[in-house]
Protein backbone atom coordinates (compact mmCIF):
# COMPACT_ATOMS: atom_id res chain seq x y z
CA MET A 1 -5.87 -60.90 62.51
CA SER A 2 -9.52 -61.67 63.08
CA SER A 3 -11.45 -62.25 59.86
CA VAL A 4 -13.66 -59.31 60.88
CA LEU A 5 -10.61 -57.10 60.37
CA THR A 6 -8.69 -58.80 57.57
CA ASP A 7 -11.52 -58.04 55.15
CA LEU A 8 -10.98 -54.36 55.92
CA PHE A 9 -7.19 -54.02 55.97
CA PRO A 10 -4.41 -56.54 55.32
CA HIS A 11 -1.89 -55.17 57.83
CA PRO A 12 -2.70 -55.07 61.58
CA ILE A 13 -2.17 -51.31 61.73
CA VAL A 14 -4.88 -48.78 62.60
CA GLN A 15 -4.21 -45.05 62.45
CA ALA A 16 -5.78 -43.56 65.56
CA PRO A 17 -8.41 -40.87 65.03
CA MET A 18 -6.90 -37.72 66.52
CA ALA A 19 -9.27 -34.78 66.95
CA GLY A 20 -8.14 -31.19 66.68
CA GLY A 21 -7.00 -31.27 63.07
CA VAL A 22 -4.38 -34.05 63.07
CA SER A 23 -6.40 -36.79 61.35
CA VAL A 24 -6.99 -35.12 58.01
CA PRO A 25 -8.27 -36.97 54.92
CA GLN A 26 -4.81 -37.04 53.33
CA LEU A 27 -3.40 -38.93 56.31
CA ALA A 28 -6.25 -41.44 56.46
CA ALA A 29 -6.05 -42.07 52.71
CA ALA A 30 -2.31 -42.68 52.80
CA VAL A 31 -2.63 -45.20 55.65
CA SER A 32 -5.55 -47.05 54.04
CA ASP A 33 -3.82 -47.17 50.65
CA ALA A 34 -0.76 -48.71 52.33
CA GLY A 35 -2.87 -51.54 53.78
CA GLY A 36 -3.68 -50.14 57.21
CA LEU A 37 -6.96 -48.62 58.38
CA GLY A 38 -7.06 -44.83 58.18
CA PHE A 39 -9.39 -42.77 60.35
CA LEU A 40 -11.08 -39.39 60.45
CA ALA A 41 -11.82 -37.74 63.79
CA ALA A 42 -15.26 -36.15 63.98
CA GLY A 43 -14.64 -34.74 67.46
CA TYR A 44 -15.00 -30.94 67.67
CA LYS A 45 -16.34 -30.77 64.10
CA THR A 46 -19.84 -29.99 62.94
CA ALA A 47 -21.85 -32.74 61.28
CA ASP A 48 -21.41 -31.01 57.92
CA GLY A 49 -17.68 -30.57 58.53
CA MET A 50 -17.42 -34.32 59.16
CA TYR A 51 -19.44 -35.08 56.02
CA GLN A 52 -17.21 -32.85 53.87
CA GLU A 53 -14.11 -34.65 55.14
CA ILE A 54 -15.70 -38.03 54.37
CA LYS A 55 -16.45 -36.86 50.82
CA GLN A 56 -12.87 -35.63 50.45
CA LEU A 57 -11.45 -38.90 51.76
CA ARG A 58 -13.59 -40.95 49.38
CA GLY A 59 -12.10 -38.92 46.55
CA LEU A 60 -8.60 -39.84 47.71
CA THR A 61 -8.95 -43.58 48.29
CA SER A 62 -11.21 -46.50 47.47
CA ARG A 63 -9.95 -48.43 50.47
CA PRO A 64 -11.93 -48.87 53.74
CA PHE A 65 -11.61 -46.22 56.46
CA GLY A 66 -13.26 -45.24 59.72
CA VAL A 67 -14.78 -42.25 61.51
CA ASN A 68 -14.59 -41.63 65.26
CA LEU A 69 -17.31 -40.05 67.42
CA PHE A 70 -17.20 -38.68 70.96
CA LEU A 71 -20.07 -39.82 73.20
CA PRO A 72 -22.06 -36.99 74.86
CA GLN A 73 -20.92 -36.43 78.42
CA PRO A 74 -23.07 -36.17 81.56
CA GLU A 75 -23.26 -32.86 83.38
CA THR A 76 -20.96 -33.50 86.32
CA ALA A 77 -18.81 -30.37 86.37
CA ASP A 78 -18.92 -27.98 89.32
CA PRO A 79 -19.60 -24.51 87.82
CA ALA A 80 -17.81 -22.87 90.75
CA ALA A 81 -14.66 -24.89 90.06
CA VAL A 82 -14.80 -23.90 86.39
CA ASP A 83 -15.13 -20.23 87.39
CA VAL A 84 -12.10 -20.51 89.67
CA TYR A 85 -10.08 -22.08 86.85
CA ALA A 86 -11.16 -19.29 84.51
CA HIS A 87 -9.78 -16.74 86.99
CA GLN A 88 -6.52 -18.68 87.12
CA LEU A 89 -6.31 -18.54 83.32
CA ALA A 90 -6.87 -14.78 83.14
CA GLY A 91 -3.14 -14.17 82.88
CA GLU A 92 -2.93 -16.51 79.89
CA ALA A 93 -5.70 -14.61 78.13
CA SER A 94 -3.88 -11.35 78.75
CA TRP A 95 -0.55 -12.78 77.57
CA TYR A 96 -2.00 -14.09 74.31
CA GLU A 97 -4.25 -11.04 73.87
CA THR A 98 -7.41 -13.08 73.53
CA GLU A 99 -10.57 -13.88 75.46
CA LEU A 100 -11.29 -17.11 77.27
CA GLY A 101 -13.88 -19.33 75.62
CA ASP A 102 -17.42 -19.89 76.83
CA PRO A 103 -17.41 -23.07 78.95
CA GLU A 104 -21.10 -23.59 78.13
CA SER A 105 -20.53 -23.81 74.38
CA GLY A 106 -22.08 -27.27 74.13
CA ARG A 107 -21.90 -30.74 75.63
CA ASP A 108 -22.95 -33.28 73.00
CA ASP A 109 -20.49 -32.46 70.16
CA GLY A 110 -23.35 -32.72 67.66
CA TYR A 111 -23.57 -36.45 68.32
CA ASP A 112 -27.10 -37.07 67.01
CA ALA A 113 -26.54 -35.03 63.85
CA LYS A 114 -23.31 -36.88 63.11
CA LEU A 115 -24.99 -40.24 63.63
CA ALA A 116 -27.72 -39.21 61.20
CA VAL A 117 -25.10 -38.37 58.56
CA LEU A 118 -23.33 -41.70 59.10
CA LEU A 119 -26.59 -43.61 58.76
CA ASP A 120 -27.49 -41.79 55.56
CA ASN A 121 -23.96 -42.04 54.15
CA PRO A 122 -22.50 -45.24 55.67
CA VAL A 123 -18.76 -45.66 56.16
CA PRO A 124 -16.97 -48.99 56.74
CA VAL A 125 -16.18 -48.40 60.43
CA VAL A 126 -17.38 -46.07 63.20
CA THR A 127 -15.58 -45.95 66.53
CA PHE A 128 -16.71 -44.41 69.82
CA HIS A 129 -14.72 -42.71 72.59
CA PHE A 130 -15.72 -41.71 76.16
CA GLY A 131 -18.34 -44.40 76.66
CA VAL A 132 -20.51 -47.09 75.10
CA PRO A 133 -23.23 -46.13 72.62
CA ALA A 134 -26.75 -47.42 73.10
CA ARG A 135 -27.48 -50.87 71.70
CA GLU A 136 -29.94 -49.37 69.22
CA VAL A 137 -27.20 -47.08 67.86
CA ILE A 138 -24.89 -50.02 67.23
CA ASP A 139 -27.73 -52.03 65.70
CA SER A 140 -28.67 -49.16 63.38
CA LEU A 141 -25.08 -48.88 62.15
CA HIS A 142 -24.94 -52.63 61.60
CA ARG A 143 -28.08 -52.43 59.48
CA VAL A 144 -26.34 -50.07 57.05
CA GLY A 145 -23.22 -52.28 56.92
CA THR A 146 -20.99 -50.35 59.32
CA LEU A 147 -18.71 -52.12 61.80
CA THR A 148 -18.45 -50.62 65.29
CA PHE A 149 -15.36 -50.33 67.50
CA VAL A 150 -15.50 -48.93 71.06
CA THR A 151 -12.61 -47.87 73.31
CA ALA A 152 -12.18 -49.46 76.75
CA THR A 153 -9.54 -48.86 79.42
CA THR A 154 -10.40 -51.78 81.73
CA ALA A 155 -11.67 -55.33 81.38
CA GLU A 156 -14.96 -54.22 82.96
CA GLU A 157 -15.40 -51.56 80.29
CA ALA A 158 -14.53 -54.11 77.59
CA ARG A 159 -17.31 -56.39 78.81
CA ALA A 160 -19.74 -53.48 78.56
CA VAL A 161 -18.59 -52.93 74.98
CA GLU A 162 -19.27 -56.56 74.11
CA ARG A 163 -22.69 -56.52 75.81
CA ALA A 164 -23.67 -53.51 73.69
CA GLY A 165 -23.07 -55.55 70.54
CA ALA A 166 -19.95 -53.81 69.21
CA ASP A 167 -17.77 -55.74 66.77
CA VAL A 168 -14.36 -54.79 68.20
CA VAL A 169 -13.01 -53.40 71.46
CA ILE A 170 -10.06 -50.98 71.43
CA ALA A 171 -8.03 -51.67 74.56
CA GLN A 172 -6.35 -48.35 75.40
CA GLY A 173 -3.43 -48.52 77.78
CA VAL A 174 -2.37 -45.71 80.07
CA GLU A 175 0.64 -45.06 77.77
CA ALA A 176 -1.63 -43.60 75.07
CA GLY A 177 -1.38 -39.99 73.95
CA GLY A 178 -4.40 -37.73 73.96
CA HIS A 179 -7.58 -38.44 75.89
CA GLN A 180 -8.07 -41.58 77.88
CA GLY A 181 -11.29 -43.17 76.66
CA THR A 182 -12.65 -44.02 80.09
CA HIS A 183 -16.39 -44.62 80.14
CA ARG A 184 -16.82 -42.53 83.29
CA ASP A 185 -14.60 -39.67 84.36
CA ARG A 186 -13.74 -40.36 87.99
CA PRO A 187 -11.14 -37.95 89.44
CA GLU A 188 -10.36 -40.40 92.24
CA THR A 189 -8.92 -42.83 89.66
CA ASP A 190 -6.58 -40.31 87.99
CA GLY A 191 -3.19 -41.90 87.35
CA SER A 192 -4.38 -45.44 88.03
CA GLY A 193 -4.62 -46.61 84.42
CA ILE A 194 -3.45 -50.05 83.29
CA GLY A 195 -0.39 -50.62 81.10
CA LEU A 196 -1.17 -51.88 77.61
CA LEU A 197 0.24 -55.41 77.72
CA SER A 198 -1.52 -56.17 80.99
CA LEU A 199 -4.72 -54.60 79.70
CA VAL A 200 -4.70 -56.58 76.44
CA ALA A 201 -4.24 -59.84 78.33
CA GLN A 202 -7.07 -58.99 80.75
CA VAL A 203 -9.42 -57.90 77.97
CA ARG A 204 -8.61 -60.93 75.85
CA GLU A 205 -9.65 -63.20 78.72
CA SER A 206 -12.82 -61.15 79.33
CA VAL A 207 -14.44 -60.85 75.90
CA GLY A 208 -14.93 -62.93 72.79
CA ILE A 209 -14.76 -60.10 70.25
CA PRO A 210 -11.51 -59.00 68.55
CA VAL A 211 -9.21 -56.62 70.43
CA VAL A 212 -7.26 -53.73 68.95
CA ALA A 213 -4.40 -52.56 71.21
CA ALA A 214 -3.67 -48.84 71.64
CA GLY A 215 -1.13 -46.98 73.73
CA GLY A 216 2.47 -45.93 73.14
CA ILE A 217 3.06 -48.19 70.11
CA MET A 218 5.73 -46.81 67.78
CA ARG A 219 7.53 -49.84 66.29
CA GLY A 220 6.64 -53.05 64.50
CA GLY A 221 8.17 -55.07 67.32
CA GLN A 222 5.61 -53.57 69.70
CA ILE A 223 2.82 -54.53 67.30
CA ALA A 224 4.16 -58.09 67.41
CA ALA A 225 4.16 -57.96 71.21
CA VAL A 226 0.52 -56.86 71.56
CA CYS A 227 -0.55 -59.39 68.95
CA ALA A 228 1.27 -62.10 70.91
CA ALA A 229 -0.63 -60.91 73.99
CA GLY A 230 -3.94 -61.46 72.22
CA ALA A 231 -4.67 -58.37 70.12
CA SER A 232 -5.74 -58.69 66.49
CA ALA A 233 -4.24 -55.34 65.50
CA ALA A 234 -2.57 -52.24 66.92
CA GLN A 235 -3.78 -48.64 66.86
CA LEU A 236 -1.06 -46.00 66.56
CA GLY A 237 -1.61 -42.29 67.09
CA THR A 238 1.59 -40.50 68.08
CA ALA A 239 3.52 -42.46 65.45
CA PHE A 240 1.40 -40.78 62.78
CA VAL A 241 1.44 -37.26 64.29
CA ALA A 242 4.87 -36.71 62.74
CA ALA A 243 3.86 -38.13 59.33
CA HIS A 244 4.13 -35.79 56.36
CA GLU A 245 0.37 -35.87 55.74
CA SER A 246 -0.57 -35.25 59.36
CA GLY A 247 -2.48 -32.06 60.05
CA ALA A 248 -0.62 -31.49 63.34
CA HIS A 249 0.95 -28.07 63.86
CA ALA A 250 4.63 -28.01 62.88
CA LEU A 251 5.52 -27.13 66.49
CA HIS A 252 3.69 -30.25 67.68
CA LYS A 253 5.57 -32.47 65.22
CA GLN A 254 8.91 -30.97 66.21
CA ALA A 255 8.21 -31.26 69.94
CA LEU A 256 7.84 -35.05 69.78
CA THR A 257 11.59 -35.53 69.44
CA ASN A 258 12.79 -32.22 70.92
CA PRO A 259 14.88 -32.94 74.06
CA LEU A 260 13.21 -29.92 75.69
CA TYR A 261 10.10 -32.08 76.11
CA ALA A 262 11.50 -35.03 77.99
CA ARG A 263 8.33 -36.65 79.25
CA THR A 264 4.57 -36.83 79.14
CA GLU A 265 1.88 -36.56 81.81
CA LEU A 266 -1.81 -37.23 82.06
CA THR A 267 -3.39 -33.83 82.63
CA ARG A 268 -6.74 -32.06 82.82
CA ALA A 269 -5.14 -28.68 82.10
CA PHE A 270 -6.38 -28.28 78.53
CA THR A 271 -9.77 -30.00 78.46
CA GLY A 272 -10.83 -30.99 81.97
CA ARG A 273 -10.52 -34.72 81.16
CA PRO A 274 -7.37 -36.85 81.60
CA ALA A 275 -5.25 -36.69 78.46
CA ARG A 276 -1.56 -37.44 77.93
CA ALA A 277 0.57 -34.59 76.63
CA LEU A 278 4.19 -33.48 76.53
CA VAL A 279 5.01 -31.49 79.64
CA ASN A 280 5.26 -27.81 78.76
CA ARG A 281 4.75 -24.54 80.62
CA PHE A 282 0.95 -24.52 80.40
CA LEU A 283 0.68 -28.09 81.69
CA ARG A 284 3.12 -27.47 84.55
CA GLU A 285 1.46 -24.26 85.69
CA HIS A 286 -2.20 -25.21 85.33
CA GLY A 287 -2.36 -29.00 85.45
CA PRO A 288 -2.34 -29.21 89.26
CA TYR A 289 -5.40 -26.94 89.52
CA ALA A 290 -7.53 -27.95 86.52
CA PRO A 291 -10.97 -29.23 87.54
CA ALA A 292 -12.72 -32.38 86.33
CA ALA A 293 -14.91 -30.52 83.87
CA TYR A 294 -15.14 -31.79 80.31
CA PRO A 295 -15.97 -30.28 77.87
CA GLU A 296 -16.23 -27.01 79.82
CA VAL A 297 -12.46 -26.65 80.22
CA HIS A 298 -11.93 -27.62 76.58
CA HIS A 299 -14.16 -24.74 75.49
CA LEU A 300 -12.57 -22.39 78.04
CA THR A 301 -9.00 -22.97 76.81
CA ALA A 302 -9.69 -23.33 73.08
CA PRO A 303 -8.96 -19.65 72.26
CA LEU A 304 -5.75 -19.81 74.31
CA ARG A 305 -4.51 -22.83 72.38
CA LYS A 306 -5.43 -21.22 69.07
CA ALA A 307 -3.62 -18.01 70.01
CA ALA A 308 -0.53 -19.96 71.13
CA ALA A 309 -0.45 -21.74 67.77
CA GLN A 310 -0.73 -18.44 65.91
CA ALA A 311 2.07 -17.00 68.05
CA GLY A 312 4.29 -20.02 67.40
CA ASP A 313 4.45 -20.76 71.13
CA ALA A 314 4.63 -24.50 71.79
CA GLN A 315 4.61 -23.81 75.53
CA GLY A 316 0.92 -22.95 75.30
CA LEU A 317 -0.18 -25.80 73.04
CA ALA A 318 -1.76 -29.11 73.95
CA LEU A 319 1.08 -31.30 72.69
CA TRP A 320 -0.75 -34.62 72.80
CA ALA A 321 1.70 -37.52 72.78
CA GLY A 322 2.04 -41.08 73.99
CA GLN A 323 4.91 -42.34 76.09
CA GLY A 324 6.84 -43.50 73.01
CA HIS A 325 6.97 -40.01 71.47
CA ARG A 326 10.77 -39.84 71.26
CA MET A 327 10.60 -42.72 68.74
CA ALA A 328 8.55 -40.69 66.24
CA ARG A 329 9.73 -40.78 62.62
CA GLU A 330 9.05 -38.03 60.09
CA LEU A 331 8.03 -40.11 57.09
CA PRO A 332 5.19 -40.15 54.58
CA ALA A 333 2.37 -42.11 56.21
CA GLY A 334 2.37 -44.84 53.58
CA GLN A 335 6.10 -45.36 53.99
CA LEU A 336 5.69 -45.48 57.77
CA VAL A 337 3.14 -48.29 57.37
CA GLU A 338 5.61 -50.16 55.13
CA VAL A 339 8.40 -49.77 57.69
CA LEU A 340 6.13 -50.95 60.51
CA VAL A 341 5.08 -54.00 58.48
CA ALA A 342 8.72 -54.88 57.81
CA GLU A 343 9.57 -54.48 61.50
CA LEU A 344 6.58 -56.62 62.45
CA ALA A 345 7.66 -59.38 60.07
CA ALA A 346 11.21 -59.29 61.43
CA ALA A 347 9.95 -59.46 65.01
CA ARG A 348 7.71 -62.42 64.24
CA THR A 349 10.57 -64.21 62.50
CA ALA A 350 12.79 -63.64 65.53
CA LEU A 351 10.07 -64.92 67.85
CA SER A 352 9.58 -68.02 65.70
CA ALA A 353 13.31 -68.69 65.59
CA GLY A 354 13.55 -68.33 69.34
CA GLY A 355 10.69 -70.74 69.87
CA ALA A 356 12.26 -73.30 67.54
CA ARG A 357 15.43 -73.57 69.58
């Protein structure tokens, strides 16, 4: 690994920050204690909610960890399209006996307030999703000793990350579960994402900063592969959804390996931005008609998803998952890190033996 990263965590394993309640302090602590880099997800939380989780995590581990922020999004949604989608979802609201959410509930996710907290109470790493923060933001975090990672889905985006002064770029392949971290949401590019190995190679040739590879990684052999392609470490999300400490709903954990959910798709159905999820009834019925409107659609469907969870109905949940979901293992997070490290070592030994022939 790059020396920038080895000082933080000995094993090239990063637990992806997963918003919506999955990345709880217990999960992050277990990963960091095992030698990986655990993460909290500040997305959809208040600034105080984020701060309380940071305090809780610090009480659980003395190891380094990170916090992820969503960048504020420009106002590009067509209100008429959002209204049409709301009418299409009326049957869901009736079925779950709830009201649709207010699509105008807020656009910036409390970004400035969260930054203020992180500058007053510095953490080892802050990562950014959905764009590149301003240079002055990155500089201010550097001044308090915080490293900055930024997600990119193309080599062009990776170059923008480097120009902004970030320490690390997270190269996110199209295989990744949850939201694609594209810097601009362009509907005309839906489905045209780059596979992880190709993306890592392109990014590695485009920037001089360390690369962390993300997207569909579930085994130590895959970590070895992305490292051989030029990454310094791998970020795993879906692999940790099934971990014992994960805050994911039990139905979400079970669905990862349930044959009923045979595949994933990138969809706008739940949030209005492309995100990879297991194909269920809600995705099938509403995905084809969901508008490009984030976070409006996220706010609109939030009560539906909450009601589906309370009803125990996985067909109405956003079952975020990467393409490797069927390889999920229900283990304590620390044990999963140990297994991944052992698999990585075995893969590297096999590669070395093959090269020696």
